[in-house]
Amino acid sequence: MITTRGLAHVGIRVHDWERSLRFYALLGFTRTAGPLGPEHVVILDHPSGLELNLVCNSPIEREPNILMDVPPLCQGSCRTTLAA
């Protein structure tokens, strides 16, 4: 068994980083950088030491999210073609 002592970094895919920033501020996170790069990553830090990255490459709110709503679930660099 591997012992886990905590988390250092979590990435979350979002479509509205400003709205997400307001939500995570309620949980104690503060923005330390971003949006950066082609996917507009916003970096948040928490007093506990956890870093949260908001990866702003999700489709608009009412479109399916390929990582959650469309089989097969497609993580990382997986590519798939969706039927219309």
PDB file of N, CA and C in Angstrom:
ATOM      1  N   MET A   1       0.843  -1.181   0.000  1.00  0.00           N
ATOM      2  CA  MET A   1       0.000   0.000   0.000  1.00  0.00           C
ATOM      3  C   MET A   1       0.888   1.244   0.000  1.00  0.00           C
ATOM      4  N   ILE A   2       0.525   2.219  -0.787  1.00  0.00           N
ATOM      5  CA  ILE A   2       1.247   3.488  -0.845  1.00  0.00           C
ATOM      6  C   ILE A   2       0.603   4.454   0.143  1.00  0.00           C
ATOM      7  N   THR A   3       1.415   5.082   0.962  1.00  0.00           N
ATOM      8  CA  THR A   3       0.917   6.053   1.928  1.00  0.00           C
ATOM      9  C   THR A   3       0.860   7.433   1.288  1.00  0.00           C
ATOM     10  N   THR A   4      -0.278   8.071   1.360  1.00  0.00           N
ATOM     11  CA  THR A   4      -0.455   9.425   0.840  1.00  0.00           C
ATOM     12  C   THR A   4      -0.498  10.389   2.012  1.00  0.00           C
ATOM     13  N   ARG A   5       0.333  11.405   1.948  1.00  0.00           N
ATOM     14  CA  ARG A   5       0.390  12.384   3.030  1.00  0.00           C
ATOM     15  C   ARG A   5      -0.394  13.641   2.720  1.00  0.00           C
ATOM     16  N   GLY A   6      -0.798  13.802   1.475  1.00  0.00           N
ATOM     17  CA  GLY A   6      -1.565  14.992   1.110  1.00  0.00           C
ATOM     18  C   GLY A   6      -1.525  15.216  -0.388  1.00  0.00           C
ATOM     19  N   LEU A   7      -2.133  16.282  -0.812  1.00  0.00           N
ATOM     20  CA  LEU A   7      -2.159  16.672  -2.213  1.00  0.00           C
ATOM     21  C   LEU A   7      -1.363  17.951  -2.391  1.00  0.00           C
ATOM     22  N   ALA A   8      -0.678  18.074  -3.527  1.00  0.00           N
ATOM     23  CA  ALA A   8       0.083  19.278  -3.809  1.00  0.00           C
ATOM     24  C   ALA A   8      -0.544  20.084  -4.939  1.00  0.00           C
ATOM     25  N   HIS A   9      -1.211  19.393  -5.863  1.00  0.00           N
ATOM     26  CA  HIS A   9      -1.704  20.058  -7.061  1.00  0.00           C
ATOM     27  C   HIS A   9      -2.918  19.313  -7.597  1.00  0.00           C
ATOM     28  N   VAL A  10      -3.938  20.078  -7.974  1.00  0.00           N
ATOM     29  CA  VAL A  10      -5.126  19.511  -8.608  1.00  0.00           C
ATOM     30  C   VAL A  10      -5.488  20.420  -9.775  1.00  0.00           C
ATOM     31  N   GLY A  11      -5.767  19.830 -10.937  1.00  0.00           N
ATOM     32  CA  GLY A  11      -6.219  20.585 -12.100  1.00  0.00           C
ATOM     33  C   GLY A  11      -7.696  20.325 -12.331  1.00  0.00           C
ATOM     34  N   ILE A  12      -8.453  21.390 -12.571  1.00  0.00           N
ATOM     35  CA  ILE A  12      -9.892  21.272 -12.811  1.00  0.00           C
ATOM     36  C   ILE A  12     -10.231  22.004 -14.104  1.00  0.00           C
ATOM     37  N   ARG A  13     -10.898  21.310 -15.000  1.00  0.00           N
ATOM     38  CA  ARG A  13     -11.293  21.872 -16.291  1.00  0.00           C
ATOM     39  C   ARG A  13     -12.554  22.702 -16.098  1.00  0.00           C
ATOM     40  N   VAL A  14     -12.519  23.968 -16.532  1.00  0.00           N
ATOM     41  CA  VAL A  14     -13.662  24.870 -16.377  1.00  0.00           C
ATOM     42  C   VAL A  14     -13.902  25.626 -17.667  1.00  0.00           C
ATOM     43  N   HIS A  15     -15.079  26.244 -17.789  1.00  0.00           N
ATOM     44  CA  HIS A  15     -15.339  27.086 -18.956  1.00  0.00           C
ATOM     45  C   HIS A  15     -15.425  28.564 -18.589  1.00  0.00           C
ATOM     46  N   ASP A  16     -15.600  28.891 -17.329  1.00  0.00           N
ATOM     47  CA  ASP A  16     -15.698  30.288 -16.891  1.00  0.00           C
ATOM     48  C   ASP A  16     -14.798  30.475 -15.676  1.00  0.00           C
ATOM     49  N   TRP A  17     -13.533  30.847 -15.918  1.00  0.00           N
ATOM     50  CA  TRP A  17     -12.572  30.906 -14.821  1.00  0.00           C
ATOM     51  C   TRP A  17     -12.917  31.995 -13.820  1.00  0.00           C
ATOM     52  N   GLU A  18     -13.531  33.085 -14.244  1.00  0.00           N
ATOM     53  CA  GLU A  18     -13.874  34.150 -13.303  1.00  0.00           C
ATOM     54  C   GLU A  18     -14.950  33.676 -12.320  1.00  0.00           C
ATOM     55  N   ARG A  19     -15.935  32.963 -12.823  1.00  0.00           N
ATOM     56  CA  ARG A  19     -16.974  32.396 -11.955  1.00  0.00           C
ATOM     57  C   ARG A  19     -16.369  31.354 -11.004  1.00  0.00           C
ATOM     58  N   SER A  20     -15.499  30.501 -11.547  1.00  0.00           N
ATOM     59  CA  SER A  20     -14.841  29.481 -10.722  1.00  0.00           C
ATOM     60  C   SER A  20     -13.960  30.124  -9.664  1.00  0.00           C
ATOM     61  N   LEU A  21     -13.281  31.202 -10.015  1.00  0.00           N
ATOM     62  CA  LEU A  21     -12.431  31.909  -9.056  1.00  0.00           C
ATOM     63  C   LEU A  21     -13.254  32.438  -7.885  1.00  0.00           C
ATOM     64  N   ARG A  22     -14.413  32.978  -8.178  1.00  0.00           N
ATOM     65  CA  ARG A  22     -15.289  33.471  -7.094  1.00  0.00           C
ATOM     66  C   ARG A  22     -15.699  32.322  -6.169  1.00  0.00           C
ATOM     67  N   PHE A  23     -16.013  31.165  -6.731  1.00  0.00           N
ATOM     68  CA  PHE A  23     -16.401  30.012  -5.924  1.00  0.00           C
ATOM     69  C   PHE A  23     -15.246  29.552  -5.034  1.00  0.00           C
ATOM     70  N   TYR A  24     -14.065  29.351  -5.615  1.00  0.00           N
ATOM     71  CA  TYR A  24     -12.938  28.841  -4.839  1.00  0.00           C
ATOM     72  C   TYR A  24     -12.417  29.861  -3.832  1.00  0.00           C
ATOM     73  N   ALA A  25     -12.657  31.141  -4.067  1.00  0.00           N
ATOM     74  CA  ALA A  25     -12.307  32.162  -3.069  1.00  0.00           C
ATOM     75  C   ALA A  25     -13.107  31.941  -1.787  1.00  0.00           C
ATOM     76  N   LEU A  26     -14.347  31.472  -1.922  1.00  0.00           N
ATOM     77  CA  LEU A  26     -15.166  31.169  -0.743  1.00  0.00           C
ATOM     78  C   LEU A  26     -14.559  30.042   0.089  1.00  0.00           C
ATOM     79  N   LEU A  27     -13.746  29.187  -0.558  1.00  0.00           N
ATOM     80  CA  LEU A  27     -13.095  28.066   0.128  1.00  0.00           C
ATOM     81  C   LEU A  27     -11.687  28.424   0.605  1.00  0.00           C
ATOM     82  N   GLY A  28     -11.290  29.692   0.432  1.00  0.00           N
ATOM     83  CA  GLY A  28     -10.001  30.143   0.931  1.00  0.00           C
ATOM     84  C   GLY A  28      -8.883  30.218  -0.088  1.00  0.00           C
ATOM     85  N   PHE A  29      -9.164  29.944  -1.363  1.00  0.00           N
ATOM     86  CA  PHE A  29      -8.135  30.004  -2.406  1.00  0.00           C
ATOM     87  C   PHE A  29      -7.943  31.442  -2.872  1.00  0.00           C
ATOM     88  N   THR A  30      -6.701  31.773  -3.234  1.00  0.00           N
ATOM     89  CA  THR A  30      -6.395  33.078  -3.830  1.00  0.00           C
ATOM     90  C   THR A  30      -5.670  32.871  -5.152  1.00  0.00           C
ATOM     91  N   ARG A  31      -5.953  33.741  -6.099  1.00  0.00           N
ATOM     92  CA  ARG A  31      -5.308  33.654  -7.413  1.00  0.00           C
ATOM     93  C   ARG A  31      -3.874  34.165  -7.298  1.00  0.00           C
ATOM     94  N   THR A  32      -2.931  33.357  -7.776  1.00  0.00           N
ATOM     95  CA  THR A  32      -1.524  33.750  -7.736  1.00  0.00           C
ATOM     96  C   THR A  32      -0.945  34.001  -9.120  1.00  0.00           C
ATOM     97  N   ALA A  33      -1.604  33.495 -10.167  1.00  0.00           N
ATOM     98  CA  ALA A  33      -1.125  33.713 -11.532  1.00  0.00           C
ATOM     99  C   ALA A  33      -2.232  33.383 -12.521  1.00  0.00           C
ATOM    100  N   GLY A  34      -2.085  33.940 -13.695  1.00  0.00           N
ATOM    101  CA  GLY A  34      -2.961  33.577 -14.806  1.00  0.00           C
ATOM    102  C   GLY A  34      -4.082  34.548 -15.046  1.00  0.00           C
ATOM    103  N   PRO A  35      -4.723  34.307 -16.155  1.00  0.00           N
ATOM    104  CA  PRO A  35      -4.623  33.145 -17.043  1.00  0.00           C
ATOM    105  C   PRO A  35      -3.324  33.153 -17.852  1.00  0.00           C
ATOM    106  N   LEU A  36      -2.744  31.953 -17.974  1.00  0.00           N
ATOM    107  CA  LEU A  36      -1.470  31.754 -18.658  1.00  0.00           C
ATOM    108  C   LEU A  36      -1.612  30.712 -19.758  1.00  0.00           C
ATOM    109  N   GLY A  37      -0.856  30.861 -20.830  1.00  0.00           N
ATOM    110  CA  GLY A  37      -0.765  29.854 -21.880  1.00  0.00           C
ATOM    111  C   GLY A  37      -1.992  29.759 -22.762  1.00  0.00           C
ATOM    112  N   PRO A  38      -1.935  28.844 -23.727  1.00  0.00           N
ATOM    113  CA  PRO A  38      -3.018  28.722 -24.707  1.00  0.00           C
ATOM    114  C   PRO A  38      -4.339  28.225 -24.118  1.00  0.00           C
ATOM    115  N   GLU A  39      -4.288  27.524 -22.982  1.00  0.00           N
ATOM    116  CA  GLU A  39      -5.522  27.038 -22.352  1.00  0.00           C
ATOM    117  C   GLU A  39      -5.955  27.921 -21.194  1.00  0.00           C
ATOM    118  N   HIS A  40      -5.285  29.067 -21.049  1.00  0.00           N
ATOM    119  CA  HIS A  40      -5.646  30.059 -20.035  1.00  0.00           C
ATOM    120  C   HIS A  40      -5.740  29.435 -18.638  1.00  0.00           C
ATOM    121  N   VAL A  41      -4.653  28.849 -18.178  1.00  0.00           N
ATOM    122  CA  VAL A  41      -4.610  28.240 -16.847  1.00  0.00           C
ATOM    123  C   VAL A  41      -4.517  29.333 -15.788  1.00  0.00           C
ATOM    124  N   VAL A  42      -5.403  29.246 -14.800  1.00  0.00           N
ATOM    125  CA  VAL A  42      -5.402  30.171 -13.671  1.00  0.00           C
ATOM    126  C   VAL A  42      -4.938  29.385 -12.454  1.00  0.00           C
ATOM    127  N   ILE A  43      -3.904  29.880 -11.767  1.00  0.00           N
ATOM    128  CA  ILE A  43      -3.317  29.174 -10.635  1.00  0.00           C
ATOM    129  C   ILE A  43      -3.824  29.787  -9.336  1.00  0.00           C
ATOM    130  N   LEU A  44      -4.361  28.925  -8.480  1.00  0.00           N
ATOM    131  CA  LEU A  44      -4.875  29.339  -7.175  1.00  0.00           C
ATOM    132  C   LEU A  44      -4.077  28.624  -6.092  1.00  0.00           C
ATOM    133  N   ASP A  45      -3.855  29.298  -4.987  1.00  0.00           N
ATOM    134  CA  ASP A  45      -3.187  28.683  -3.841  1.00  0.00           C
ATOM    135  C   ASP A  45      -4.100  28.737  -2.629  1.00  0.00           C
ATOM    136  N   HIS A  46      -3.946  27.731  -1.769  1.00  0.00           N
ATOM    137  CA  HIS A  46      -4.718  27.637  -0.532  1.00  0.00           C
ATOM    138  C   HIS A  46      -3.752  27.666   0.645  1.00  0.00           C
ATOM    139  N   PRO A  47      -4.152  28.244   1.783  1.00  0.00           N
ATOM    140  CA  PRO A  47      -3.274  28.267   2.956  1.00  0.00           C
ATOM    141  C   PRO A  47      -2.776  26.882   3.390  1.00  0.00           C
ATOM    142  N   SER A  48      -3.484  25.816   3.033  1.00  0.00           N
ATOM    143  CA  SER A  48      -3.076  24.455   3.388  1.00  0.00           C
ATOM    144  C   SER A  48      -1.887  23.970   2.572  1.00  0.00           C
ATOM    145  N   GLY A  49      -1.544  24.714   1.509  1.00  0.00           N
ATOM    146  CA  GLY A  49      -0.453  24.305   0.636  1.00  0.00           C
ATOM    147  C   GLY A  49      -0.907  23.716  -0.680  1.00  0.00           C
ATOM    148  N   LEU A  50      -2.189  23.509  -0.847  1.00  0.00           N
ATOM    149  CA  LEU A  50      -2.726  22.938  -2.079  1.00  0.00           C
ATOM    150  C   LEU A  50      -2.729  23.988  -3.181  1.00  0.00           C
ATOM    151  N   GLU A  51      -2.248  23.610  -4.359  1.00  0.00           N
ATOM    152  CA  GLU A  51      -2.338  24.454  -5.548  1.00  0.00           C
ATOM    153  C   GLU A  51      -3.441  23.913  -6.438  1.00  0.00           C
ATOM    154  N   LEU A  52      -4.306  24.784  -6.896  1.00  0.00           N
ATOM    155  CA  LEU A  52      -5.407  24.426  -7.770  1.00  0.00           C
ATOM    156  C   LEU A  52      -5.204  25.134  -9.096  1.00  0.00           C
ATOM    157  N   ASN A  53      -5.250  24.377 -10.195  1.00  0.00           N
ATOM    158  CA  ASN A  53      -5.144  24.961 -11.529  1.00  0.00           C
ATOM    159  C   ASN A  53      -6.493  24.864 -12.208  1.00  0.00           C
ATOM    160  N   LEU A  54      -7.041  26.011 -12.588  1.00  0.00           N
ATOM    161  CA  LEU A  54      -8.266  26.048 -13.370  1.00  0.00           C
ATOM    162  C   LEU A  54      -7.850  26.053 -14.838  1.00  0.00           C
ATOM    163  N   VAL A  55      -8.128  24.971 -15.534  1.00  0.00           N
ATOM    164  CA  VAL A  55      -7.763  24.828 -16.938  1.00  0.00           C
ATOM    165  C   VAL A  55      -8.985  25.240 -17.754  1.00  0.00           C
ATOM    166  N   CYS A  56      -8.895  26.380 -18.400  1.00  0.00           N
ATOM    167  CA  CYS A  56     -10.065  27.010 -19.011  1.00  0.00           C
ATOM    168  C   CYS A  56     -10.240  26.583 -20.458  1.00  0.00           C
ATOM    169  N   ASN A  57     -10.415  25.294 -20.685  1.00  0.00           N
ATOM    170  CA  ASN A  57     -10.589  24.777 -22.042  1.00  0.00           C
ATOM    171  C   ASN A  57     -11.849  23.940 -22.193  1.00  0.00           C
ATOM    172  N   SER A  58     -12.764  24.079 -21.264  1.00  0.00           N
ATOM    173  CA  SER A  58     -14.021  23.332 -21.338  1.00  0.00           C
ATOM    174  C   SER A  58     -14.958  24.038 -22.307  1.00  0.00           C
ATOM    175  N   PRO A  59     -15.818  23.290 -22.992  1.00  0.00           N
ATOM    176  CA  PRO A  59     -16.775  23.937 -23.885  1.00  0.00           C
ATOM    177  C   PRO A  59     -17.750  24.808 -23.096  1.00  0.00           C
ATOM    178  N   ILE A  60     -18.549  25.559 -23.832  1.00  0.00           N
ATOM    179  CA  ILE A  60     -19.529  26.404 -23.158  1.00  0.00           C
ATOM    180  C   ILE A  60     -20.457  25.558 -22.300  1.00  0.00           C
ATOM    181  N   GLU A  61     -21.122  26.203 -21.376  1.00  0.00           N
ATOM    182  CA  GLU A  61     -21.870  25.524 -20.324  1.00  0.00           C
ATOM    183  C   GLU A  61     -22.844  24.457 -20.813  1.00  0.00           C
ATOM    184  N   ARG A  62     -23.541  24.691 -21.887  1.00  0.00           N
ATOM    185  CA  ARG A  62     -24.592  23.746 -22.302  1.00  0.00           C
ATOM    186  C   ARG A  62     -24.115  22.689 -23.296  1.00  0.00           C
ATOM    187  N   GLU A  63     -22.833  22.686 -23.662  1.00  0.00           N
ATOM    188  CA  GLU A  63     -22.296  21.657 -24.547  1.00  0.00           C
ATOM    189  C   GLU A  63     -21.770  20.489 -23.724  1.00  0.00           C
ATOM    190  N   PRO A  64     -21.815  19.266 -24.258  1.00  0.00           N
ATOM    191  CA  PRO A  64     -21.306  18.116 -23.508  1.00  0.00           C
ATOM    192  C   PRO A  64     -19.821  18.257 -23.228  1.00  0.00           C
ATOM    193  N   ASN A  65     -19.402  17.773 -22.083  1.00  0.00           N
ATOM    194  CA  ASN A  65     -17.999  17.757 -21.690  1.00  0.00           C
ATOM    195  C   ASN A  65     -17.469  16.366 -22.004  1.00  0.00           C
ATOM    196  N   ILE A  66     -16.533  16.261 -22.928  1.00  0.00           N
ATOM    197  CA  ILE A  66     -16.034  14.951 -23.359  1.00  0.00           C
ATOM    198  C   ILE A  66     -15.423  14.154 -22.206  1.00  0.00           C
ATOM    199  N   LEU A  67     -14.947  14.827 -21.177  1.00  0.00           N
ATOM    200  CA  LEU A  67     -14.358  14.109 -20.044  1.00  0.00           C
ATOM    201  C   LEU A  67     -15.405  13.532 -19.106  1.00  0.00           C
ATOM    202  N   MET A  68     -16.638  14.019 -19.187  1.00  0.00           N
ATOM    203  CA  MET A  68     -17.641  13.578 -18.227  1.00  0.00           C
ATOM    204  C   MET A  68     -18.934  13.075 -18.852  1.00  0.00           C
ATOM    205  N   ASP A  69     -19.320  13.626 -19.988  1.00  0.00           N
ATOM    206  CA  ASP A  69     -20.661  13.383 -20.500  1.00  0.00           C
ATOM    207  C   ASP A  69     -20.735  12.455 -21.704  1.00  0.00           C
ATOM    208  N   VAL A  70     -19.608  12.149 -22.332  1.00  0.00           N
ATOM    209  CA  VAL A  70     -19.640  11.404 -23.584  1.00  0.00           C
ATOM    210  C   VAL A  70     -18.798  10.138 -23.456  1.00  0.00           C
ATOM    211  N   PRO A  71     -19.404   8.941 -23.668  1.00  0.00           N
ATOM    212  CA  PRO A  71     -18.588   7.737 -23.648  1.00  0.00           C
ATOM    213  C   PRO A  71     -17.795   7.651 -24.951  1.00  0.00           C
ATOM    214  N   PRO A  72     -16.585   7.144 -25.013  1.00  0.00           N
ATOM    215  CA  PRO A  72     -15.837   6.748 -23.831  1.00  0.00           C
ATOM    216  C   PRO A  72     -15.283   7.972 -23.113  1.00  0.00           C
ATOM    217  N   LEU A  73     -15.153   7.866 -21.794  1.00  0.00           N
ATOM    218  CA  LEU A  73     -14.540   8.946 -21.035  1.00  0.00           C
ATOM    219  C   LEU A  73     -13.102   9.078 -21.520  1.00  0.00           C
ATOM    220  N   CYS A  74     -12.697  10.278 -21.784  1.00  0.00           N
ATOM    221  CA  CYS A  74     -11.452  10.503 -22.500  1.00  0.00           C
ATOM    222  C   CYS A  74     -10.544  11.439 -21.710  1.00  0.00           C
ATOM    223  N   GLN A  75      -9.567  10.894 -20.989  1.00  0.00           N
ATOM    224  CA  GLN A  75      -8.667  11.697 -20.184  1.00  0.00           C
ATOM    225  C   GLN A  75      -7.325  11.876 -20.890  1.00  0.00           C
ATOM    226  N   GLY A  76      -6.557  12.829 -20.398  1.00  0.00           N
ATOM    227  CA  GLY A  76      -5.199  13.035 -20.918  1.00  0.00           C
ATOM    228  C   GLY A  76      -5.189  13.414 -22.371  1.00  0.00           C
ATOM    229  N   SER A  77      -4.363  12.733 -23.154  1.00  0.00           N
ATOM    230  CA  SER A  77      -4.210  13.093 -24.555  1.00  0.00           C
ATOM    231  C   SER A  77      -5.088  12.242 -25.468  1.00  0.00           C
ATOM    232  N   CYS A  78      -6.057  11.530 -24.908  1.00  0.00           N
ATOM    233  CA  CYS A  78      -6.967  10.704 -25.697  1.00  0.00           C
ATOM    234  C   CYS A  78      -7.731  11.565 -26.692  1.00  0.00           C
ATOM    235  N   ARG A  79      -7.899  11.063 -27.883  1.00  0.00           N
ATOM    236  CA  ARG A  79      -8.677  11.782 -28.901  1.00  0.00           C
ATOM    237  C   ARG A  79      -9.791  10.857 -29.372  1.00  0.00           C
ATOM    238  N   THR A  80     -10.939  11.447 -29.612  1.00  0.00           N
ATOM    239  CA  THR A  80     -12.067  10.654 -30.081  1.00  0.00           C
ATOM    240  C   THR A  80     -12.901  11.500 -31.026  1.00  0.00           C
ATOM    241  N   THR A  81     -13.670  10.870 -31.877  1.00  0.00           N
ATOM    242  CA  THR A  81     -14.570  11.564 -32.771  1.00  0.00           C
ATOM    243  C   THR A  81     -15.981  11.366 -32.260  1.00  0.00           C
ATOM    244  N   LEU A  82     -16.700  12.454 -32.076  1.00  0.00           N
ATOM    245  CA  LEU A  82     -18.058  12.381 -31.581  1.00  0.00           C
ATOM    246  C   LEU A  82     -19.034  12.343 -32.743  1.00  0.00           C
ATOM    247  N   ALA A  83     -20.022  11.484 -32.651  1.00  0.00           N
ATOM    248  CA  ALA A  83     -21.071  11.441 -33.676  1.00  0.00           C
ATOM    249  C   ALA A  83     -22.020  12.614 -33.447  1.00  0.00           C
ATOM    250  N   ALA A  84     -22.411  13.240 -34.524  1.00  0.00           N
ATOM    251  CA  ALA A  84     -23.314  14.401 -34.423  1.00  0.00           C
ATOM    252  C   ALA A  84     -24.733  13.958 -34.161  1.00  0.00           C
TER     253      ALA A  84
END
